[in-house]
Amino acid sequence: MTTLVFGHKSPDTDATLSAIIWAWYLTNRRGGDAEPRLLGEPNTEAAFLLQHWGFAKPQIIADVEAGQNVVIVDTNNPAELPPSINDPVAL
């Protein structure tokens, strides 16, 4: 299963680039399968840096499925995360 890596809603430069870098690390240095995601449109500065350095803008998601593997970067505030982040997995 692919691990989704994302930061907080209203992604700034830290949340955007941390997700990209951490997904790269998990995939290329740890042998995993990870992809960066955003929880909204990146702010102006983050969008500029994506364009300037030639990074593709990560896919924007609104929520995650129960049981989805995730890595959360650049936040410790549950209010800034997808609504279903703590939903239990049905067995």
Protein backbone atom coordinates (compact mmCIF):
# COMPACT_ATOMS: atom_id res chain seq x y z
CA MET A 1 0.00 0.00 0.00
CA THR A 2 1.26 3.46 -0.86
CA THR A 3 1.98 5.70 2.09
CA LEU A 4 0.61 9.23 1.71
CA VAL A 5 2.76 12.02 3.13
CA PHE A 6 1.17 15.38 3.89
CA GLY A 7 1.27 18.35 6.21
CA HIS A 8 -1.46 20.66 7.43
CA LYS A 9 -4.41 22.25 5.64
CA SER A 10 -3.60 25.50 3.81
CA PRO A 11 -0.12 24.20 2.95
CA ASP A 12 2.74 26.64 3.23
CA THR A 13 6.30 26.07 2.05
CA ASP A 14 7.20 23.84 5.01
CA ALA A 15 4.17 21.58 4.65
CA THR A 16 4.51 21.33 0.87
CA LEU A 17 8.23 20.70 0.57
CA SER A 18 8.44 18.51 3.68
CA ALA A 19 5.85 16.17 2.16
CA ILE A 20 7.80 15.96 -1.10
CA ILE A 21 11.15 15.38 0.60
CA TRP A 22 9.85 12.85 3.12
CA ALA A 23 8.01 10.86 0.40
CA TRP A 24 11.23 10.85 -1.66
CA TYR A 25 13.20 9.62 1.36
CA LEU A 26 10.75 6.82 2.17
CA THR A 27 10.75 5.64 -1.44
CA ASN A 28 14.41 6.07 -2.38
CA ARG A 29 16.24 5.47 0.89
CA ARG A 30 13.90 3.21 2.84
CA GLY A 31 12.56 1.06 -0.02
CA GLY A 32 8.95 2.01 0.57
CA ASP A 33 6.20 3.29 -1.67
CA ALA A 34 5.26 6.83 -0.68
CA GLU A 35 3.68 9.80 -2.43
CA PRO A 36 3.33 13.42 -1.32
CA ARG A 37 -0.13 14.97 -1.03
CA LEU A 38 -1.48 18.41 -0.13
CA LEU A 39 -4.55 19.28 1.94
CA GLY A 40 -5.34 22.33 -0.17
CA GLU A 41 -3.76 24.66 -2.67
CA PRO A 42 -0.22 25.64 -1.73
CA ASN A 43 0.26 29.26 -0.71
CA THR A 44 1.94 31.74 -3.07
CA GLU A 45 5.47 31.13 -1.80
CA ALA A 46 5.15 27.34 -1.94
CA ALA A 47 3.66 27.50 -5.45
CA PHE A 48 6.52 29.73 -6.57
CA LEU A 49 9.14 27.32 -5.21
CA LEU A 50 7.45 24.32 -6.84
CA GLN A 51 7.52 26.11 -10.18
CA HIS A 52 11.02 27.57 -9.72
CA TRP A 53 12.63 24.22 -8.87
CA GLY A 54 10.53 22.20 -11.33
CA PHE A 55 8.63 20.07 -8.81
CA ALA A 56 5.19 18.84 -9.79
CA LYS A 57 2.48 20.05 -7.45
CA PRO A 58 1.38 17.06 -5.34
CA GLN A 59 -2.19 15.88 -5.70
CA ILE A 60 -4.64 17.66 -3.42
CA ILE A 61 -6.77 15.45 -1.18
CA ALA A 62 -9.64 16.30 1.14
CA ASP A 63 -9.62 13.15 3.27
CA VAL A 64 -8.06 9.71 3.70
CA GLU A 65 -9.59 6.24 3.71
CA ALA A 66 -9.71 4.20 6.91
CA GLY A 67 -6.55 2.12 7.11
CA GLN A 68 -4.55 4.33 4.76
CA ASN A 69 -0.86 4.44 5.66
CA VAL A 70 0.13 8.06 6.25
CA VAL A 71 3.06 10.13 7.44
CA ILE A 72 2.16 13.55 8.83
CA VAL A 73 4.73 16.34 8.58
CA ASP A 74 4.83 19.96 9.80
CA THR A 75 1.91 19.91 12.23
CA ASN A 76 0.88 18.67 15.64
CA ASN A 77 -2.63 20.12 15.53
CA PRO A 78 -5.38 17.52 14.81
CA ALA A 79 -7.70 20.30 13.57
CA GLU A 80 -5.33 20.81 10.62
CA LEU A 81 -5.64 17.20 9.43
CA PRO A 82 -8.19 15.32 7.29
CA PRO A 83 -11.49 14.62 9.06
CA SER A 84 -11.15 10.81 8.84
CA ILE A 85 -7.52 10.63 10.01
CA ASN A 86 -8.46 8.73 13.19
CA ASP A 87 -11.22 6.52 11.81
CA PRO A 88 -10.67 2.89 12.83
CA VAL A 89 -10.12 0.16 10.27
CA ALA A 90 -13.05 -2.24 9.89
CA LEU A 91 -11.92 -5.82 10.47
